[in-house]
N, C-alpha and C. Protein backbone atom coordinates (compact mmCIF):
# COMPACT_ATOMS: atom_id res chain seq x y z
N MET A 1 0.83 -1.17 0.00
CA MET A 1 0.00 0.00 0.00
C MET A 1 0.88 1.24 0.00
N SER A 2 0.52 2.24 -0.80
CA SER A 2 1.27 3.49 -0.87
C SER A 2 1.11 4.27 0.42
N ALA A 3 2.16 5.01 0.75
CA ALA A 3 2.07 5.88 1.92
C ALA A 3 1.05 6.98 1.65
N GLY A 4 0.23 7.28 2.61
CA GLY A 4 -0.78 8.30 2.41
C GLY A 4 -1.24 8.87 3.73
N TRP A 5 -2.36 9.53 3.70
CA TRP A 5 -2.90 10.18 4.88
C TRP A 5 -4.42 10.24 4.74
N TYR A 6 -5.08 10.54 5.82
CA TYR A 6 -6.54 10.65 5.80
C TYR A 6 -6.94 12.11 5.63
N GLU A 7 -7.87 12.32 4.72
CA GLU A 7 -8.38 13.65 4.44
C GLU A 7 -9.90 13.54 4.30
N ASP A 8 -10.64 14.23 5.11
CA ASP A 8 -12.10 14.20 5.05
C ASP A 8 -12.64 12.77 5.09
N GLY A 9 -12.02 11.94 5.90
CA GLY A 9 -12.49 10.57 6.06
C GLY A 9 -12.08 9.62 4.97
N ARG A 10 -11.26 10.08 4.00
CA ARG A 10 -10.79 9.21 2.93
C ARG A 10 -9.28 9.06 3.01
N TYR A 11 -8.80 7.91 2.61
CA TYR A 11 -7.36 7.68 2.57
C TYR A 11 -6.84 8.21 1.24
N VAL A 12 -5.90 9.15 1.27
CA VAL A 12 -5.39 9.83 0.08
C VAL A 12 -3.92 9.51 -0.09
N THR A 13 -3.53 9.27 -1.33
CA THR A 13 -2.11 9.07 -1.64
C THR A 13 -1.68 10.18 -2.59
N GLN A 14 -0.37 10.32 -2.77
CA GLN A 14 0.15 11.35 -3.67
C GLN A 14 -0.35 11.10 -5.09
N GLY A 15 -0.47 9.83 -5.49
CA GLY A 15 -0.94 9.50 -6.84
C GLY A 15 -2.33 10.03 -7.12
N ILE A 16 -3.19 9.98 -6.13
CA ILE A 16 -4.55 10.49 -6.30
C ILE A 16 -4.51 11.99 -6.55
N ARG A 17 -3.67 12.70 -5.82
CA ARG A 17 -3.57 14.16 -6.01
C ARG A 17 -3.02 14.48 -7.39
N VAL A 18 -2.03 13.73 -7.86
CA VAL A 18 -1.45 13.97 -9.19
C VAL A 18 -2.49 13.71 -10.26
N CYS A 19 -3.24 12.62 -10.15
CA CYS A 19 -4.27 12.31 -11.13
C CYS A 19 -5.36 13.38 -11.16
N ALA A 20 -5.76 13.85 -9.99
CA ALA A 20 -6.79 14.88 -9.92
C ALA A 20 -6.30 16.18 -10.56
N ALA A 21 -5.05 16.54 -10.32
CA ALA A 21 -4.49 17.76 -10.90
C ALA A 21 -4.38 17.63 -12.41
N LEU A 22 -3.98 16.46 -12.89
CA LEU A 22 -3.87 16.24 -14.33
C LEU A 22 -5.24 16.30 -14.99
N ALA A 23 -6.24 15.69 -14.38
CA ALA A 23 -7.59 15.71 -14.93
C ALA A 23 -8.12 17.14 -15.00
N LYS A 24 -7.84 17.94 -13.99
CA LYS A 24 -8.30 19.33 -13.99
C LYS A 24 -7.61 20.13 -15.10
N ALA A 25 -6.32 19.92 -15.28
CA ALA A 25 -5.57 20.63 -16.32
C ALA A 25 -6.08 20.23 -17.71
N LEU A 26 -6.32 18.96 -17.92
CA LEU A 26 -6.81 18.50 -19.22
C LEU A 26 -8.21 19.04 -19.49
N ASP A 27 -9.03 19.11 -18.47
CA ASP A 27 -10.39 19.61 -18.64
C ASP A 27 -10.38 21.08 -19.02
N GLN A 28 -9.46 21.86 -18.46
CA GLN A 28 -9.38 23.28 -18.78
C GLN A 28 -8.91 23.50 -20.21
N ASP A 29 -8.16 22.55 -20.78
CA ASP A 29 -7.68 22.67 -22.15
C ASP A 29 -8.66 22.12 -23.18
N ALA A 30 -9.81 21.65 -22.73
CA ALA A 30 -10.78 21.05 -23.63
C ALA A 30 -11.25 22.06 -24.68
N ILE A 31 -11.48 21.55 -25.88
CA ILE A 31 -12.00 22.38 -26.97
C ILE A 31 -13.48 22.11 -27.11
N VAL A 32 -14.25 23.17 -27.20
CA VAL A 32 -15.71 23.08 -27.35
C VAL A 32 -16.05 23.51 -28.77
N THR A 33 -16.85 22.71 -29.48
CA THR A 33 -17.25 23.06 -30.84
C THR A 33 -18.75 23.33 -30.88
N GLU A 34 -19.15 24.13 -31.86
CA GLU A 34 -20.56 24.47 -31.99
C GLU A 34 -20.88 24.67 -33.47
N TYR A 35 -22.01 24.13 -33.90
CA TYR A 35 -22.50 24.33 -35.27
C TYR A 35 -23.34 25.59 -35.27
N VAL A 36 -22.87 26.64 -35.94
CA VAL A 36 -23.55 27.93 -35.87
C VAL A 36 -24.32 28.28 -37.13
N CYS A 37 -23.89 27.81 -38.29
CA CYS A 37 -24.57 28.02 -39.56
C CYS A 37 -25.07 29.46 -39.73
N PRO A 38 -24.13 30.41 -39.91
CA PRO A 38 -24.54 31.81 -40.06
C PRO A 38 -25.38 32.02 -41.32
N PRO A 39 -26.23 33.05 -41.33
CA PRO A 39 -27.12 33.29 -42.47
C PRO A 39 -26.42 33.94 -43.66
N ILE A 40 -25.41 33.26 -44.17
CA ILE A 40 -24.68 33.74 -45.35
C ILE A 40 -24.63 32.58 -46.34
N PRO A 41 -24.48 32.87 -47.63
CA PRO A 41 -24.49 31.78 -48.62
C PRO A 41 -23.23 30.90 -48.61
N VAL A 42 -22.15 31.37 -48.02
CA VAL A 42 -20.90 30.62 -47.99
C VAL A 42 -20.91 29.69 -46.78
N ARG A 43 -20.55 28.43 -46.96
CA ARG A 43 -20.59 27.45 -45.88
C ARG A 43 -19.21 27.20 -45.25
N ASP A 44 -18.27 28.11 -45.43
CA ASP A 44 -16.91 27.95 -44.91
C ASP A 44 -16.78 28.22 -43.41
N MET A 45 -17.80 28.77 -42.78
CA MET A 45 -17.72 29.18 -41.37
C MET A 45 -18.86 28.58 -40.55
N ASP A 46 -19.34 27.40 -40.91
CA ASP A 46 -20.48 26.79 -40.22
C ASP A 46 -20.14 26.31 -38.81
N TRP A 47 -18.88 26.01 -38.53
CA TRP A 47 -18.48 25.50 -37.21
C TRP A 47 -17.55 26.48 -36.54
N GLN A 48 -17.62 26.54 -35.22
CA GLN A 48 -16.66 27.34 -34.45
C GLN A 48 -16.14 26.50 -33.29
N ALA A 49 -14.90 26.78 -32.90
CA ALA A 49 -14.24 26.05 -31.81
C ALA A 49 -13.62 27.06 -30.85
N THR A 50 -13.82 26.82 -29.56
CA THR A 50 -13.23 27.66 -28.51
C THR A 50 -12.70 26.76 -27.42
N ARG A 51 -11.91 27.33 -26.54
CA ARG A 51 -11.47 26.58 -25.36
C ARG A 51 -12.58 26.63 -24.32
N LYS A 52 -12.67 25.57 -23.53
CA LYS A 52 -13.66 25.54 -22.44
C LYS A 52 -13.36 26.73 -21.52
N GLY A 53 -14.38 27.41 -21.09
CA GLY A 53 -14.19 28.60 -20.26
C GLY A 53 -13.96 29.84 -21.11
N TYR A 54 -14.38 29.79 -22.38
CA TYR A 54 -14.21 30.93 -23.29
C TYR A 54 -14.70 32.22 -22.65
N ASP A 55 -13.95 33.27 -22.87
CA ASP A 55 -14.32 34.59 -22.39
C ASP A 55 -14.20 35.55 -23.57
N GLU A 56 -14.96 36.60 -23.56
CA GLU A 56 -14.95 37.57 -24.65
C GLU A 56 -13.53 38.01 -24.96
N GLY A 57 -13.17 37.95 -26.22
CA GLY A 57 -11.83 38.33 -26.64
C GLY A 57 -10.90 37.15 -26.85
N ASP A 58 -11.28 35.95 -26.38
CA ASP A 58 -10.47 34.75 -26.61
C ASP A 58 -10.57 34.35 -28.08
N LEU A 59 -9.63 33.53 -28.50
CA LEU A 59 -9.60 33.09 -29.89
C LEU A 59 -10.79 32.18 -30.20
N ILE A 60 -11.27 32.29 -31.45
CA ILE A 60 -12.34 31.43 -31.95
C ILE A 60 -11.88 30.86 -33.28
N GLY A 61 -11.83 29.53 -33.35
CA GLY A 61 -11.49 28.88 -34.61
C GLY A 61 -12.76 28.68 -35.42
N ARG A 62 -12.67 28.85 -36.73
CA ARG A 62 -13.85 28.68 -37.59
C ARG A 62 -13.49 27.81 -38.78
N GLY A 63 -14.50 27.08 -39.28
CA GLY A 63 -14.26 26.23 -40.43
C GLY A 63 -15.53 25.62 -40.97
N ALA A 64 -15.40 24.96 -42.13
CA ALA A 64 -16.54 24.32 -42.79
C ALA A 64 -16.96 23.05 -42.06
N THR A 65 -16.04 22.41 -41.36
CA THR A 65 -16.34 21.21 -40.60
C THR A 65 -15.87 21.41 -39.16
N LYS A 66 -16.29 20.51 -38.28
CA LYS A 66 -15.87 20.57 -36.88
C LYS A 66 -14.35 20.50 -36.79
N GLN A 67 -13.74 19.56 -37.54
CA GLN A 67 -12.28 19.39 -37.48
C GLN A 67 -11.57 20.61 -38.04
N ASP A 68 -12.10 21.23 -39.09
CA ASP A 68 -11.49 22.46 -39.64
C ASP A 68 -11.47 23.57 -38.60
N ALA A 69 -12.56 23.70 -37.83
CA ALA A 69 -12.63 24.74 -36.80
C ALA A 69 -11.61 24.47 -35.70
N ILE A 70 -11.47 23.21 -35.29
CA ILE A 70 -10.49 22.85 -34.26
C ILE A 70 -9.08 23.13 -34.76
N ASN A 71 -8.79 22.72 -36.00
CA ASN A 71 -7.46 22.97 -36.58
C ASN A 71 -7.17 24.47 -36.67
N ASN A 72 -8.17 25.26 -37.04
CA ASN A 72 -8.01 26.70 -37.14
C ASN A 72 -7.68 27.31 -35.78
N LEU A 73 -8.37 26.86 -34.73
CA LEU A 73 -8.12 27.35 -33.37
C LEU A 73 -6.69 27.02 -32.94
N ILE A 74 -6.28 25.79 -33.15
CA ILE A 74 -4.94 25.37 -32.76
C ILE A 74 -3.86 26.13 -33.53
N GLU A 75 -4.10 26.36 -34.81
CA GLU A 75 -3.15 27.15 -35.62
C GLU A 75 -3.03 28.57 -35.08
N MET A 76 -4.15 29.20 -34.76
CA MET A 76 -4.11 30.58 -34.24
C MET A 76 -3.40 30.65 -32.89
N GLU A 77 -3.56 29.62 -32.06
CA GLU A 77 -2.90 29.60 -30.76
C GLU A 77 -1.40 29.47 -30.90
N GLY A 78 -0.95 28.84 -31.98
CA GLY A 78 0.48 28.63 -32.20
C GLY A 78 1.19 29.85 -32.77
N GLU A 79 0.44 30.82 -33.22
CA GLU A 79 1.07 32.02 -33.83
C GLU A 79 1.55 32.98 -32.79
């Protein structure tokens, strides 16, 4: 058994804390996509992608498909 301690009635190990921190970090980096279909004849901007926790002024990726929007967001973040 790993060395640990009791916290709020549960036995906690360092591994549990590391896993919880990693899960939280990955969740914050999640990409959220949305099908918006703007009222224009061109279908190149039907999807948008943002990071979870989007706030006004953050980057928005756009594209004809969900994957195009995600790729666009990632490209803009790398610039």
